[in-house]
PDB file of N, CA and C in Angstrom:
ATOM      1  N   MET A   1      -1.667   8.965  -7.165  1.00  0.00           N
ATOM      2  CA  MET A   1      -2.199  10.334  -7.116  1.00  0.00           C
ATOM      3  C   MET A   1      -2.304  10.853  -8.499  1.00  0.00           C
ATOM      4  N   ALA A   2      -3.417  11.568  -8.784  1.00  0.00           N
ATOM      5  CA  ALA A   2      -3.634  12.073 -10.115  1.00  0.00           C
ATOM      6  C   ALA A   2      -3.539  13.561 -10.093  1.00  0.00           C
ATOM      7  N   THR A   3      -2.889  14.069 -11.177  1.00  0.00           N
ATOM      8  CA  THR A   3      -2.845  15.568 -11.354  1.00  0.00           C
ATOM      9  C   THR A   3      -3.392  15.854 -12.738  1.00  0.00           C
ATOM     10  N   SER A   4      -4.365  16.765 -12.801  1.00  0.00           N
ATOM     11  CA  SER A   4      -4.881  17.215 -14.120  1.00  0.00           C
ATOM     12  C   SER A   4      -3.843  18.122 -14.764  1.00  0.00           C
ATOM     13  N   PRO A   5      -3.826  18.199 -16.086  1.00  0.00           N
ATOM     14  CA  PRO A   5      -2.828  19.057 -16.743  1.00  0.00           C
ATOM     15  C   PRO A   5      -2.840  20.569 -16.302  1.00  0.00           C
ATOM     16  N   GLU A   6      -4.018  21.078 -15.989  1.00  0.00           N
ATOM     17  CA  GLU A   6      -4.178  22.503 -15.634  1.00  0.00           C
ATOM     18  C   GLU A   6      -4.090  22.719 -14.114  1.00  0.00           C
ATOM     19  N   SER A   7      -3.876  21.685 -13.352  1.00  0.00           N
ATOM     20  CA  SER A   7      -3.850  21.834 -11.876  1.00  0.00           C
ATOM     21  C   SER A   7      -2.473  21.563 -11.281  1.00  0.00           C
ATOM     22  N   LEU A   8      -2.129  22.325 -10.247  1.00  0.00           N
ATOM     23  CA  LEU A   8      -0.880  22.082  -9.569  1.00  0.00           C
ATOM     24  C   LEU A   8      -1.173  21.210  -8.301  1.00  0.00           C
ATOM     25  N   ILE A   9      -2.421  20.877  -8.088  1.00  0.00           N
ATOM     26  CA  ILE A   9      -2.787  20.118  -6.845  1.00  0.00           C
ATOM     27  C   ILE A   9      -2.862  18.616  -7.209  1.00  0.00           C
ATOM     28  N   GLU A  10      -2.294  17.804  -6.375  1.00  0.00           N
ATOM     29  CA  GLU A  10      -2.405  16.328  -6.542  1.00  0.00           C
ATOM     30  C   GLU A  10      -3.590  15.915  -5.666  1.00  0.00           C
ATOM     31  N   TYR A  11      -4.419  15.066  -6.325  1.00  0.00           N
ATOM     32  CA  TYR A  11      -5.629  14.538  -5.664  1.00  0.00           C
ATOM     33  C   TYR A  11      -5.405  13.110  -5.403  1.00  0.00           C
ATOM     34  N   PRO A  12      -5.841  12.606  -4.229  1.00  0.00           N
ATOM     35  CA  PRO A  12      -6.456  13.354  -3.090  1.00  0.00           C
ATOM     36  C   PRO A  12      -5.397  13.971  -2.297  1.00  0.00           C
ATOM     37  N   SER A  13      -5.707  15.025  -1.623  1.00  0.00           N
ATOM     38  CA  SER A  13      -4.748  15.700  -0.710  1.00  0.00           C
ATOM     39  C   SER A  13      -5.485  16.545   0.336  1.00  0.00           C
ATOM     40  N   ALA A  14      -4.811  16.689   1.473  1.00  0.00           N
ATOM     41  CA  ALA A  14      -5.351  17.574   2.529  1.00  0.00           C
ATOM     42  C   ALA A  14      -5.266  19.017   2.024  1.00  0.00           C
ATOM     43  N   PHE A  15      -6.391  19.760   2.010  1.00  0.00           N
ATOM     44  CA  PHE A  15      -6.433  21.067   1.431  1.00  0.00           C
ATOM     45  C   PHE A  15      -7.027  22.112   2.426  1.00  0.00           C
ATOM     46  N   PRO A  16      -6.243  22.974   2.969  1.00  0.00           N
ATOM     47  CA  PRO A  16      -6.733  23.972   3.922  1.00  0.00           C
ATOM     48  C   PRO A  16      -7.491  25.069   3.216  1.00  0.00           C
ATOM     49  N   ILE A  17      -8.609  25.521   3.828  1.00  0.00           N
ATOM     50  CA  ILE A  17      -9.394  26.644   3.277  1.00  0.00           C
ATOM     51  C   ILE A  17      -9.632  27.591   4.478  1.00  0.00           C
ATOM     52  N   LYS A  18      -9.386  28.870   4.227  1.00  0.00           N
ATOM     53  CA  LYS A  18      -9.652  29.855   5.303  1.00  0.00           C
ATOM     54  C   LYS A  18     -10.978  30.502   4.986  1.00  0.00           C
ATOM     55  N   VAL A  19     -11.834  30.570   6.007  1.00  0.00           N
ATOM     56  CA  VAL A  19     -13.155  31.191   5.868  1.00  0.00           C
ATOM     57  C   VAL A  19     -13.352  32.230   6.984  1.00  0.00           C
ATOM     58  N   MET A  20     -13.650  33.462   6.578  1.00  0.00           N
ATOM     59  CA  MET A  20     -13.891  34.490   7.579  1.00  0.00           C
ATOM     60  C   MET A  20     -15.383  34.917   7.465  1.00  0.00           C
ATOM     61  N   GLY A  21     -15.885  35.221   8.682  1.00  0.00           N
ATOM     62  CA  GLY A  21     -17.262  35.675   8.762  1.00  0.00           C
ATOM     63  C   GLY A  21     -17.505  36.390  10.117  1.00  0.00           C
ATOM     64  N   ALA A  22     -18.764  36.843  10.227  1.00  0.00           N
ATOM     65  CA  ALA A  22     -19.169  37.552  11.459  1.00  0.00           C
ATOM     66  C   ALA A  22     -19.153  36.538  12.600  1.00  0.00           C
ATOM     67  N   GLN A  23     -18.834  37.030  13.781  1.00  0.00           N
ATOM     68  CA  GLN A  23     -18.852  36.194  14.962  1.00  0.00           C
ATOM     69  C   GLN A  23     -20.396  36.113  15.336  1.00  0.00           C
ATOM     70  N   ALA A  24     -21.042  35.076  14.782  1.00  0.00           N
ATOM     71  CA  ALA A  24     -22.462  34.995  14.931  1.00  0.00           C
ATOM     72  C   ALA A  24     -22.872  33.519  15.212  1.00  0.00           C
ATOM     73  N   ASP A  25     -23.953  33.360  15.871  1.00  0.00           N
ATOM     74  CA  ASP A  25     -24.511  32.005  16.166  1.00  0.00           C
ATOM     75  C   ASP A  25     -24.699  31.292  14.795  1.00  0.00           C
ATOM     76  N   GLY A  26     -24.287  30.091  14.704  1.00  0.00           N
ATOM     77  CA  GLY A  26     -24.505  29.284  13.535  1.00  0.00           C
ATOM     78  C   GLY A  26     -23.411  29.388  12.465  1.00  0.00           C
ATOM     79  N   PHE A  27     -22.459  30.282  12.585  1.00  0.00           N
ATOM     80  CA  PHE A  27     -21.432  30.430  11.564  1.00  0.00           C
ATOM     81  C   PHE A  27     -20.588  29.209  11.472  1.00  0.00           C
ATOM     82  N   VAL A  28     -20.026  28.766  12.596  1.00  0.00           N
ATOM     83  CA  VAL A  28     -19.131  27.573  12.565  1.00  0.00           C
ATOM     84  C   VAL A  28     -19.932  26.347  12.085  1.00  0.00           C
ATOM     85  N   GLU A  29     -21.118  26.172  12.583  1.00  0.00           N
ATOM     86  CA  GLU A  29     -21.956  25.038  12.240  1.00  0.00           C
ATOM     87  C   GLU A  29     -22.250  25.040  10.722  1.00  0.00           C
ATOM     88  N   ALA A  30     -22.520  26.236  10.170  1.00  0.00           N
ATOM     89  CA  ALA A  30     -22.843  26.354   8.687  1.00  0.00           C
ATOM     90  C   ALA A  30     -21.593  25.909   7.861  1.00  0.00           C
ATOM     91  N   VAL A  31     -20.428  26.421   8.305  1.00  0.00           N
ATOM     92  CA  VAL A  31     -19.220  26.088   7.532  1.00  0.00           C
ATOM     93  C   VAL A  31     -18.903  24.581   7.617  1.00  0.00           C
ATOM     94  N   VAL A  32     -19.087  23.991   8.844  1.00  0.00           N
ATOM     95  CA  VAL A  32     -18.864  22.563   9.019  1.00  0.00           C
ATOM     96  C   VAL A  32     -19.865  21.787   8.120  1.00  0.00           C
ATOM     97  N   ALA A  33     -21.087  22.185   8.125  1.00  0.00           N
ATOM     98  CA  ALA A  33     -22.155  21.471   7.302  1.00  0.00           C
ATOM     99  C   ALA A  33     -21.741  21.525   5.832  1.00  0.00           C
ATOM    100  N   LEU A  34     -21.292  22.609   5.363  1.00  0.00           N
ATOM    101  CA  LEU A  34     -20.873  22.741   3.965  1.00  0.00           C
ATOM    102  C   LEU A  34     -19.635  21.911   3.690  1.00  0.00           C
ATOM    103  N   ALA A  35     -18.652  21.910   4.607  1.00  0.00           N
ATOM    104  CA  ALA A  35     -17.456  21.100   4.454  1.00  0.00           C
ATOM    105  C   ALA A  35     -17.916  19.616   4.340  1.00  0.00           C
ATOM    106  N   ARG A  36     -18.778  19.176   5.207  1.00  0.00           N
ATOM    107  CA  ARG A  36     -19.222  17.762   5.221  1.00  0.00           C
ATOM    108  C   ARG A  36     -20.000  17.422   3.969  1.00  0.00           C
ATOM    109  N   ARG A  37     -20.632  18.376   3.413  1.00  0.00           N
ATOM    110  CA  ARG A  37     -21.477  18.112   2.131  1.00  0.00           C
ATOM    111  C   ARG A  37     -20.502  17.759   0.998  1.00  0.00           C
ATOM    112  N   PHE A  38     -19.330  18.393   0.964  1.00  0.00           N
ATOM    113  CA  PHE A  38     -18.374  18.178  -0.101  1.00  0.00           C
ATOM    114  C   PHE A  38     -17.268  17.159   0.319  1.00  0.00           C
ATOM    115  N   ASP A  39     -17.127  16.888   1.600  1.00  0.00           N
ATOM    116  CA  ASP A  39     -16.129  15.939   2.067  1.00  0.00           C
ATOM    117  C   ASP A  39     -16.832  15.155   3.222  1.00  0.00           C
ATOM    118  N   PRO A  40     -17.519  14.103   2.988  1.00  0.00           N
ATOM    119  CA  PRO A  40     -18.243  13.363   4.007  1.00  0.00           C
ATOM    120  C   PRO A  40     -17.349  12.973   5.220  1.00  0.00           C
ATOM    121  N   GLY A  41     -16.073  12.794   4.984  1.00  0.00           N
ATOM    122  CA  GLY A  41     -15.137  12.411   6.077  1.00  0.00           C
ATOM    123  C   GLY A  41     -14.610  13.497   6.880  1.00  0.00           C
ATOM    124  N   PHE A  42     -15.043  14.753   6.576  1.00  0.00           N
ATOM    125  CA  PHE A  42     -14.536  15.914   7.298  1.00  0.00           C
ATOM    126  C   PHE A  42     -14.741  15.772   8.760  1.00  0.00           C
ATOM    127  N   ASP A  43     -13.696  16.111   9.540  1.00  0.00           N
ATOM    128  CA  ASP A  43     -13.790  16.006  11.011  1.00  0.00           C
ATOM    129  C   ASP A  43     -13.894  17.415  11.588  1.00  0.00           C
ATOM    130  N   PRO A  44     -15.089  17.733  12.141  1.00  0.00           N
ATOM    131  CA  PRO A  44     -15.288  19.071  12.727  1.00  0.00           C
ATOM    132  C   PRO A  44     -14.263  19.437  13.866  1.00  0.00           C
ATOM    133  N   ALA A  45     -13.694  18.425  14.500  1.00  0.00           N
ATOM    134  CA  ALA A  45     -12.689  18.697  15.597  1.00  0.00           C
ATOM    135  C   ALA A  45     -11.421  19.287  15.051  1.00  0.00           C
ATOM    136  N   THR A  46     -11.211  19.279  13.727  1.00  0.00           N
ATOM    137  CA  THR A  46      -9.995  19.878  13.137  1.00  0.00           C
ATOM    138  C   THR A  46     -10.126  21.310  12.758  1.00  0.00           C
ATOM    139  N   VAL A  47     -11.336  21.913  12.990  1.00  0.00           N
ATOM    140  CA  VAL A  47     -11.472  23.331  12.642  1.00  0.00           C
ATOM    141  C   VAL A  47     -10.661  24.215  13.535  1.00  0.00           C
ATOM    142  N   GLU A  48      -9.852  25.089  12.958  1.00  0.00           N
ATOM    143  CA  GLU A  48      -9.068  26.061  13.714  1.00  0.00           C
ATOM    144  C   GLU A  48      -9.791  27.408  13.754  1.00  0.00           C
ATOM    145  N   ARG A  49      -9.920  27.975  14.895  1.00  0.00           N
ATOM    146  CA  ARG A  49     -10.631  29.252  15.067  1.00  0.00           C
ATOM    147  C   ARG A  49      -9.735  30.331  15.542  1.00  0.00           C
ATOM    148  N   ARG A  50      -9.930  31.535  14.903  1.00  0.00           N
ATOM    149  CA  ARG A  50      -9.178  32.728  15.302  1.00  0.00           C
ATOM    150  C   ARG A  50     -10.110  33.883  15.341  1.00  0.00           C
ATOM    151  N   PRO A  51     -10.440  34.350  16.515  1.00  0.00           N
ATOM    152  CA  PRO A  51     -11.298  35.573  16.600  1.00  0.00           C
ATOM    153  C   PRO A  51     -10.538  36.868  16.265  1.00  0.00           C
ATOM    154  N   SER A  52     -11.218  37.803  15.726  1.00  0.00           N
ATOM    155  CA  SER A  52     -10.605  39.078  15.468  1.00  0.00           C
ATOM    156  C   SER A  52     -10.252  39.762  16.809  1.00  0.00           C
ATOM    157  N   ARG A  53      -9.403  40.750  16.726  1.00  0.00           N
ATOM    158  CA  ARG A  53      -9.036  41.516  17.982  1.00  0.00           C
ATOM    159  C   ARG A  53     -10.209  42.066  18.723  1.00  0.00           C
ATOM    160  N   ALA A  54     -11.172  42.677  17.950  1.00  0.00           N
ATOM    161  CA  ALA A  54     -12.339  43.250  18.609  1.00  0.00           C
ATOM    162  C   ALA A  54     -13.464  42.239  18.878  1.00  0.00           C
ATOM    163  N   GLY A  55     -13.265  41.024  18.337  1.00  0.00           N
ATOM    164  CA  GLY A  55     -14.241  39.961  18.585  1.00  0.00           C
ATOM    165  C   GLY A  55     -15.483  40.028  17.648  1.00  0.00           C
ATOM    166  N   ASN A  56     -15.471  40.873  16.634  1.00  0.00           N
ATOM    167  CA  ASN A  56     -16.613  40.985  15.707  1.00  0.00           C
ATOM    168  C   ASN A  56     -16.582  39.916  14.668  1.00  0.00           C
ATOM    169  N   TYR A  57     -15.428  39.389  14.328  1.00  0.00           N
ATOM    170  CA  TYR A  57     -15.281  38.432  13.237  1.00  0.00           C
ATOM    171  C   TYR A  57     -14.528  37.186  13.739  1.00  0.00           C
ATOM    172  N   LEU A  58     -14.733  36.087  12.991  1.00  0.00           N
ATOM    173  CA  LEU A  58     -14.085  34.852  13.345  1.00  0.00           C
ATOM    174  C   LEU A  58     -13.474  34.256  12.077  1.00  0.00           C
ATOM    175  N   GLY A  59     -12.169  33.929  12.173  1.00  0.00           N
ATOM    176  CA  GLY A  59     -11.519  33.286  11.076  1.00  0.00           C
ATOM    177  C   GLY A  59     -11.452  31.792  11.324  1.00  0.00           C
ATOM    178  N   LEU A  60     -11.811  31.013  10.343  1.00  0.00           N
ATOM    179  CA  LEU A  60     -11.783  29.523  10.539  1.00  0.00           C
ATOM    180  C   LEU A  60     -10.825  28.982   9.464  1.00  0.00           C
ATOM    181  N   THR A  61     -10.102  27.894   9.783  1.00  0.00           N
ATOM    182  CA  THR A  61      -9.393  27.152   8.824  1.00  0.00           C
ATOM    183  C   THR A  61      -9.947  25.730   8.849  1.00  0.00           C
ATOM    184  N   ILE A  62     -10.464  25.325   7.713  1.00  0.00           N
ATOM    185  CA  ILE A  62     -10.943  23.917   7.561  1.00  0.00           C
ATOM    186  C   ILE A  62     -10.070  23.203   6.645  1.00  0.00           C
ATOM    187  N   THR A  63      -9.733  21.973   6.922  1.00  0.00           N
ATOM    188  CA  THR A  63      -8.878  21.181   6.047  1.00  0.00           C
ATOM    189  C   THR A  63      -9.689  19.986   5.537  1.00  0.00           C
ATOM    190  N   ILE A  64     -10.027  20.017   4.266  1.00  0.00           N
ATOM    191  CA  ILE A  64     -10.740  18.896   3.687  1.00  0.00           C
ATOM    192  C   ILE A  64      -9.829  17.996   2.851  1.00  0.00           C
ATOM    193  N   THR A  65     -10.322  16.810   2.587  1.00  0.00           N
ATOM    194  CA  THR A  65      -9.664  15.958   1.652  1.00  0.00           C
ATOM    195  C   THR A  65     -10.143  16.272   0.270  1.00  0.00           C
ATOM    196  N   ALA A  66      -9.301  16.937  -0.511  1.00  0.00           N
ATOM    197  CA  ALA A  66      -9.678  17.352  -1.834  1.00  0.00           C
ATOM    198  C   ALA A  66      -9.492  16.163  -2.778  1.00  0.00           C
ATOM    199  N   THR A  67     -10.537  15.902  -3.558  1.00  0.00           N
ATOM    200  CA  THR A  67     -10.505  14.778  -4.503  1.00  0.00           C
ATOM    201  C   THR A  67     -10.588  15.211  -5.915  1.00  0.00           C
ATOM    202  N   SER A  68     -10.986  16.473  -6.193  1.00  0.00           N
ATOM    203  CA  SER A  68     -11.066  16.969  -7.591  1.00  0.00           C
ATOM    204  C   SER A  68     -11.186  18.469  -7.554  1.00  0.00           C
ATOM    205  N   ARG A  69     -10.907  19.034  -8.732  1.00  0.00           N
ATOM    206  CA  ARG A  69     -11.115  20.497  -8.962  1.00  0.00           C
ATOM    207  C   ARG A  69     -12.573  20.840  -8.817  1.00  0.00           C
ATOM    208  N   GLU A  70     -13.426  20.012  -9.335  1.00  0.00           N
ATOM    209  CA  GLU A  70     -14.867  20.246  -9.235  1.00  0.00           C
ATOM    210  C   GLU A  70     -15.397  20.345  -7.796  1.00  0.00           C
ATOM    211  N   GLN A  71     -14.843  19.421  -6.949  1.00  0.00           N
ATOM    212  CA  GLN A  71     -15.192  19.415  -5.540  1.00  0.00           C
ATOM    213  C   GLN A  71     -14.779  20.742  -4.900  1.00  0.00           C
ATOM    214  N   LEU A  72     -13.498  21.195  -5.107  1.00  0.00           N
ATOM    215  CA  LEU A  72     -13.044  22.451  -4.548  1.00  0.00           C
ATOM    216  C   LEU A  72     -13.850  23.649  -5.059  1.00  0.00           C
ATOM    217  N   ASP A  73     -14.092  23.686  -6.348  1.00  0.00           N
ATOM    218  CA  ASP A  73     -14.875  24.773  -6.909  1.00  0.00           C
ATOM    219  C   ASP A  73     -16.235  24.892  -6.329  1.00  0.00           C
ATOM    220  N   GLY A  74     -16.929  23.692  -6.144  1.00  0.00           N
ATOM    221  CA  GLY A  74     -18.214  23.643  -5.569  1.00  0.00           C
ATOM    222  C   GLY A  74     -18.215  24.114  -4.140  1.00  0.00           C
ATOM    223  N   LEU A  75     -17.281  23.651  -3.374  1.00  0.00           N
ATOM    224  CA  LEU A  75     -17.168  24.118  -1.977  1.00  0.00           C
ATOM    225  C   LEU A  75     -16.931  25.603  -1.834  1.00  0.00           C
ATOM    226  N   TYR A  76     -15.985  26.138  -2.668  1.00  0.00           N
ATOM    227  CA  TYR A  76     -15.727  27.583  -2.633  1.00  0.00           C
ATOM    228  C   TYR A  76     -17.010  28.366  -3.038  1.00  0.00           C
ATOM    229  N   ARG A  77     -17.741  27.891  -4.031  1.00  0.00           N
ATOM    230  CA  ARG A  77     -18.998  28.573  -4.425  1.00  0.00           C
ATOM    231  C   ARG A  77     -20.006  28.558  -3.278  1.00  0.00           C
ATOM    232  N   ALA A  78     -20.150  27.393  -2.643  1.00  0.00           N
ATOM    233  CA  ALA A  78     -21.169  27.233  -1.558  1.00  0.00           C
ATOM    234  C   ALA A  78     -20.762  28.120  -0.399  1.00  0.00           C
ATOM    235  N   LEU A  79     -19.499  28.116  -0.040  1.00  0.00           N
ATOM    236  CA  LEU A  79     -19.101  28.959   1.107  1.00  0.00           C
ATOM    237  C   LEU A  79     -19.234  30.416   0.822  1.00  0.00           C
ATOM    238  N   SER A  80     -18.871  30.853  -0.355  1.00  0.00           N
ATOM    239  CA  SER A  80     -18.945  32.260  -0.759  1.00  0.00           C
ATOM    240  C   SER A  80     -20.369  32.729  -0.840  1.00  0.00           C
ATOM    241  N   ALA A  81     -21.308  31.846  -1.157  1.00  0.00           N
ATOM    242  CA  ALA A  81     -22.746  32.238  -1.281  1.00  0.00           C
ATOM    243  C   ALA A  81     -23.439  32.259   0.084  1.00  0.00           C
ATOM    244  N   HIS A  82     -22.816  31.738   1.111  1.00  0.00           N
ATOM    245  CA  HIS A  82     -23.467  31.700   2.437  1.00  0.00           C
ATOM    246  C   HIS A  82     -23.573  33.101   2.996  1.00  0.00           C
ATOM    247  N   PRO A  83     -24.665  33.544   3.563  1.00  0.00           N
ATOM    248  CA  PRO A  83     -24.847  34.870   4.040  1.00  0.00           C
ATOM    249  C   PRO A  83     -23.936  35.276   5.257  1.00  0.00           C
ATOM    250  N   LEU A  84     -23.483  34.314   6.047  1.00  0.00           N
ATOM    251  CA  LEU A  84     -22.657  34.619   7.236  1.00  0.00           C
ATOM    252  C   LEU A  84     -21.169  34.662   6.809  1.00  0.00           C
ATOM    253  N   VAL A  85     -20.822  34.226   5.645  1.00  0.00           N
ATOM    254  CA  VAL A  85     -19.391  34.166   5.177  1.00  0.00           C
ATOM    255  C   VAL A  85     -19.033  35.500   4.451  1.00  0.00           C
ATOM    256  N   LYS A  86     -17.967  36.082   4.869  1.00  0.00           N
ATOM    257  CA  LYS A  86     -17.426  37.271   4.299  1.00  0.00           C
ATOM    258  C   LYS A  86     -16.377  37.075   3.195  1.00  0.00           C
ATOM    259  N   VAL A  87     -15.423  36.182   3.557  1.00  0.00           N
ATOM    260  CA  VAL A  87     -14.283  35.898   2.681  1.00  0.00           C
ATOM    261  C   VAL A  87     -13.934  34.483   2.710  1.00  0.00           C
ATOM    262  N   VAL A  88     -13.518  33.918   1.541  1.00  0.00           N
ATOM    263  CA  VAL A  88     -13.105  32.491   1.477  1.00  0.00           C
ATOM    264  C   VAL A  88     -11.737  32.551   0.745  1.00  0.00           C
ATOM    265  N   LEU A  89     -10.695  32.024   1.341  1.00  0.00           N
ATOM    266  CA  LEU A  89      -9.394  31.974   0.775  1.00  0.00           C
ATOM    267  C   LEU A  89      -8.899  30.497   0.673  1.00  0.00           C
TER     268      LEU A  89
END
């Protein structure tokens, strides 16, 4: 396992990302497509879903295999730029 001097993350590792967005058609599929773009081995069956109390929003937890800081940065940027995504943590 490699660790870069400025990172506390050991690569490769399972890395959970929380994504929140509107409860809308295509939201889950869009997040899965982006996860697969950055982690081709991503398994959509592992997506955890949590609807908001009123049902207007949906929280997702995706767990990717992180291989580098660049990969994580790219995925965060892509998710944040998607119009259905409100927050990425």
